[in-house]
Amino acid sequence: MLSIQSNEIKTHFSGVLKQVEQGQEFLITKHKKTIAKLMPYTTDVSNQTQAKQAVEAMKKLKTLKLSSAEISDYRHIGRR
């Protein structure tokens, strides 16, 4: 992944865009702070499916009525 300053991207936008079309990703920085990520748009169905599955799993978690302490315990177990 490449990094580019915000003032440079204004100057070289068409060239950067061509690289993005070829799969390159850019972090856009301003005053040495990352402010955005520029990456190719994808219509990859598997990514959309994974996102939908994650949302559904989170909705199911809400129905379990777990306390914050229980959620914290499960989170710590998952990190082991």
N, C-alpha and C. Protein backbone atom coordinates (compact mmCIF):
# COMPACT_ATOMS: atom_id res chain seq x y z
N MET A 1 0.84 -1.17 0.00
CA MET A 1 0.00 0.00 0.00
C MET A 1 0.89 1.23 0.00
N LEU A 2 0.58 2.16 -0.87
CA LEU A 2 1.36 3.38 -0.98
C LEU A 2 0.70 4.50 -0.19
N SER A 3 1.50 5.50 0.15
CA SER A 3 1.01 6.67 0.86
C SER A 3 1.22 7.89 -0.02
N ILE A 4 0.24 8.79 -0.02
CA ILE A 4 0.34 10.00 -0.83
C ILE A 4 -0.27 11.17 -0.05
N GLN A 5 0.38 12.32 -0.15
CA GLN A 5 -0.12 13.51 0.54
C GLN A 5 -1.32 14.08 -0.22
N SER A 6 -2.22 14.71 0.52
CA SER A 6 -3.44 15.23 -0.09
C SER A 6 -3.15 16.25 -1.19
N ASN A 7 -2.13 17.07 -1.03
CA ASN A 7 -1.82 18.04 -2.08
C ASN A 7 -1.24 17.36 -3.32
N GLU A 8 -0.56 16.23 -3.16
CA GLU A 8 -0.02 15.49 -4.31
C GLU A 8 -1.13 14.81 -5.09
N ILE A 9 -2.13 14.29 -4.38
CA ILE A 9 -3.19 13.57 -5.08
C ILE A 9 -3.99 14.53 -5.97
N LYS A 10 -4.10 15.78 -5.55
CA LYS A 10 -4.79 16.76 -6.40
C LYS A 10 -4.03 16.95 -7.71
N THR A 11 -2.72 16.97 -7.62
CA THR A 11 -1.88 17.19 -8.80
C THR A 11 -1.83 15.97 -9.71
N HIS A 12 -1.79 14.78 -9.13
CA HIS A 12 -1.58 13.55 -9.89
C HIS A 12 -2.80 12.62 -9.86
N PHE A 13 -3.99 13.19 -9.75
CA PHE A 13 -5.18 12.38 -9.55
C PHE A 13 -5.41 11.34 -10.64
N SER A 14 -5.28 11.72 -11.90
CA SER A 14 -5.56 10.77 -12.98
C SER A 14 -4.58 9.60 -12.95
N GLY A 15 -3.31 9.86 -12.65
CA GLY A 15 -2.33 8.78 -12.55
C GLY A 15 -2.59 7.87 -11.37
N VAL A 16 -2.96 8.47 -10.25
CA VAL A 16 -3.29 7.68 -9.06
C VAL A 16 -4.51 6.82 -9.35
N LEU A 17 -5.51 7.40 -10.00
CA LEU A 17 -6.72 6.67 -10.32
C LEU A 17 -6.44 5.47 -11.23
N LYS A 18 -5.53 5.63 -12.18
CA LYS A 18 -5.14 4.50 -13.04
C LYS A 18 -4.52 3.38 -12.22
N GLN A 19 -3.68 3.75 -11.25
CA GLN A 19 -3.05 2.74 -10.40
C GLN A 19 -4.10 2.03 -9.54
N VAL A 20 -5.08 2.78 -9.06
CA VAL A 20 -6.16 2.18 -8.26
C VAL A 20 -6.94 1.19 -9.12
N GLU A 21 -7.20 1.54 -10.37
CA GLU A 21 -7.90 0.62 -11.28
C GLU A 21 -7.14 -0.69 -11.45
N GLN A 22 -5.81 -0.63 -11.32
CA GLN A 22 -4.97 -1.82 -11.46
C GLN A 22 -4.81 -2.57 -10.14
N GLY A 23 -5.48 -2.10 -9.08
CA GLY A 23 -5.46 -2.82 -7.82
C GLY A 23 -4.64 -2.19 -6.70
N GLN A 24 -3.95 -1.11 -6.98
CA GLN A 24 -3.12 -0.45 -5.96
C GLN A 24 -4.01 0.29 -4.95
N GLU A 25 -3.61 0.26 -3.69
CA GLU A 25 -4.30 0.99 -2.64
C GLU A 25 -3.42 2.12 -2.14
N PHE A 26 -4.03 3.22 -1.75
CA PHE A 26 -3.31 4.39 -1.27
C PHE A 26 -3.86 4.84 0.07
N LEU A 27 -2.96 5.24 0.96
CA LEU A 27 -3.34 5.97 2.16
C LEU A 27 -3.11 7.44 1.85
N ILE A 28 -4.13 8.25 2.04
CA ILE A 28 -4.02 9.69 1.77
C ILE A 28 -3.73 10.38 3.09
N THR A 29 -2.66 11.17 3.11
CA THR A 29 -2.25 11.83 4.35
C THR A 29 -2.34 13.35 4.22
N LYS A 30 -2.49 13.97 5.37
CA LYS A 30 -2.49 15.43 5.45
C LYS A 30 -1.76 15.79 6.73
N HIS A 31 -0.69 16.54 6.59
CA HIS A 31 0.16 16.90 7.73
C HIS A 31 0.62 15.65 8.49
N LYS A 32 1.06 14.63 7.73
CA LYS A 32 1.59 13.37 8.24
C LYS A 32 0.56 12.53 8.99
N LYS A 33 -0.72 12.84 8.85
CA LYS A 33 -1.79 12.07 9.49
C LYS A 33 -2.64 11.42 8.39
N THR A 34 -2.88 10.12 8.51
CA THR A 34 -3.71 9.42 7.53
C THR A 34 -5.15 9.88 7.68
N ILE A 35 -5.73 10.31 6.56
CA ILE A 35 -7.11 10.80 6.60
C ILE A 35 -8.08 9.96 5.76
N ALA A 36 -7.54 9.15 4.85
CA ALA A 36 -8.42 8.35 4.00
C ALA A 36 -7.65 7.20 3.37
N LYS A 37 -8.42 6.22 2.89
CA LYS A 37 -7.84 5.09 2.16
C LYS A 37 -8.55 5.03 0.81
N LEU A 38 -7.78 5.02 -0.26
CA LEU A 38 -8.32 4.93 -1.61
C LEU A 38 -7.99 3.55 -2.15
N MET A 39 -9.04 2.81 -2.52
CA MET A 39 -8.83 1.45 -2.99
C MET A 39 -9.84 1.13 -4.08
N PRO A 40 -9.56 0.09 -4.86
CA PRO A 40 -10.48 -0.26 -5.94
C PRO A 40 -11.86 -0.64 -5.40
N TYR A 41 -12.88 -0.25 -6.12
CA TYR A 41 -14.24 -0.64 -5.78
C TYR A 41 -14.43 -2.08 -6.21
N THR A 42 -15.08 -2.84 -5.36
CA THR A 42 -15.31 -4.24 -5.71
C THR A 42 -16.79 -4.57 -5.54
N THR A 43 -17.25 -5.42 -6.42
CA THR A 43 -18.61 -5.93 -6.29
C THR A 43 -18.54 -7.41 -5.92
N ASP A 44 -17.45 -7.77 -5.28
CA ASP A 44 -17.23 -9.15 -4.86
C ASP A 44 -18.38 -9.60 -3.95
N VAL A 45 -19.13 -10.55 -4.41
CA VAL A 45 -20.30 -11.03 -3.69
C VAL A 45 -19.91 -11.65 -2.35
N SER A 46 -18.75 -12.29 -2.28
CA SER A 46 -18.36 -12.94 -1.02
C SER A 46 -18.15 -11.90 0.08
N ASN A 47 -17.60 -10.72 -0.26
CA ASN A 47 -17.43 -9.66 0.74
C ASN A 47 -18.79 -9.17 1.23
N GLN A 48 -19.72 -9.00 0.32
CA GLN A 48 -21.05 -8.54 0.70
C GLN A 48 -21.75 -9.59 1.55
N THR A 49 -21.58 -10.85 1.20
CA THR A 49 -22.18 -11.93 1.97
C THR A 49 -21.61 -11.98 3.37
N GLN A 50 -20.29 -11.85 3.49
CA GLN A 50 -19.66 -11.85 4.81
C GLN A 50 -20.16 -10.69 5.66
N ALA A 51 -20.32 -9.54 5.07
CA ALA A 51 -20.81 -8.37 5.81
C ALA A 51 -22.23 -8.61 6.30
N LYS A 52 -23.07 -9.15 5.44
CA LYS A 52 -24.45 -9.44 5.83
C LYS A 52 -24.49 -10.48 6.95
N GLN A 53 -23.64 -11.50 6.87
CA GLN A 53 -23.59 -12.52 7.91
C GLN A 53 -23.14 -11.92 9.24
N ALA A 54 -22.18 -11.01 9.19
CA ALA A 54 -21.71 -10.36 10.41
C ALA A 54 -22.81 -9.53 11.05
N VAL A 55 -23.56 -8.81 10.24
CA VAL A 55 -24.67 -8.00 10.77
C VAL A 55 -25.72 -8.90 11.40
N GLU A 56 -26.06 -9.99 10.75
CA GLU A 56 -27.05 -10.92 11.29
C GLU A 56 -26.57 -11.53 12.61
N ALA A 57 -25.29 -11.87 12.68
CA ALA A 57 -24.74 -12.43 13.92
C ALA A 57 -24.82 -11.41 15.05
N MET A 58 -24.56 -10.15 14.74
CA MET A 58 -24.63 -9.11 15.77
C MET A 58 -26.08 -8.91 16.23
N LYS A 59 -27.02 -9.01 15.31
CA LYS A 59 -28.44 -8.90 15.69
C LYS A 59 -28.84 -10.04 16.63
N LYS A 60 -28.34 -11.24 16.34
CA LYS A 60 -28.64 -12.39 17.20
C LYS A 60 -28.05 -12.21 18.59
N LEU A 61 -26.87 -11.61 18.66
CA LEU A 61 -26.24 -11.37 19.96
C LEU A 61 -27.11 -10.47 20.84
N LYS A 62 -27.76 -9.49 20.23
CA LYS A 62 -28.62 -8.59 21.00
C LYS A 62 -29.76 -9.34 21.68
N THR A 63 -30.24 -10.39 21.05
CA THR A 63 -31.37 -11.14 21.61
C THR A 63 -30.96 -12.01 22.79
N LEU A 64 -29.67 -12.21 23.01
CA LEU A 64 -29.20 -13.07 24.10
C LEU A 64 -29.28 -12.39 25.46
N LYS A 65 -29.40 -11.07 25.49
CA LYS A 65 -29.51 -10.30 26.73
C LYS A 65 -28.35 -10.58 27.69
N LEU A 66 -27.13 -10.51 27.17
CA LEU A 66 -25.93 -10.72 27.99
C LEU A 66 -25.57 -9.43 28.72
N SER A 67 -25.02 -9.58 29.92
CA SER A 67 -24.54 -8.41 30.65
C SER A 67 -23.21 -7.97 30.06
N SER A 68 -22.80 -6.75 30.34
CA SER A 68 -21.52 -6.27 29.82
C SER A 68 -20.36 -7.09 30.37
N ALA A 69 -20.49 -7.59 31.61
CA ALA A 69 -19.45 -8.43 32.20
C ALA A 69 -19.33 -9.75 31.44
N GLU A 70 -20.47 -10.33 31.06
CA GLU A 70 -20.45 -11.58 30.31
C GLU A 70 -19.84 -11.37 28.92
N ILE A 71 -20.20 -10.29 28.30
CA ILE A 71 -19.63 -9.97 26.98
C ILE A 71 -18.12 -9.80 27.09
N SER A 72 -17.68 -9.11 28.13
CA SER A 72 -16.25 -8.91 28.34
C SER A 72 -15.53 -10.23 28.55
N ASP A 73 -16.15 -11.12 29.34
CA ASP A 73 -15.55 -12.44 29.57
C ASP A 73 -15.41 -13.21 28.26
N TYR A 74 -16.46 -13.21 27.44
CA TYR A 74 -16.39 -13.91 26.16
C TYR A 74 -15.34 -13.31 25.24
N ARG A 75 -15.21 -12.00 25.27
CA ARG A 75 -14.21 -11.32 24.45
C ARG A 75 -12.81 -11.76 24.86
N HIS A 76 -12.56 -11.83 26.17
CA HIS A 76 -11.24 -12.25 26.65
C HIS A 76 -10.96 -13.71 26.30
N ILE A 77 -11.97 -14.55 26.37
CA ILE A 77 -11.80 -15.96 26.00
C ILE A 77 -11.44 -16.07 24.52
N GLY A 78 -12.08 -15.26 23.69
CA GLY A 78 -11.82 -15.29 22.25
C GLY A 78 -10.43 -14.82 21.87
N ARG A 79 -9.78 -14.05 22.73
CA ARG A 79 -8.45 -13.54 22.43
C ARG A 79 -7.35 -14.52 22.80
N ARG A 80 -7.70 -15.57 23.48
CA ARG A 80 -6.67 -16.54 23.89
C ARG A 80 -6.22 -17.39 22.75
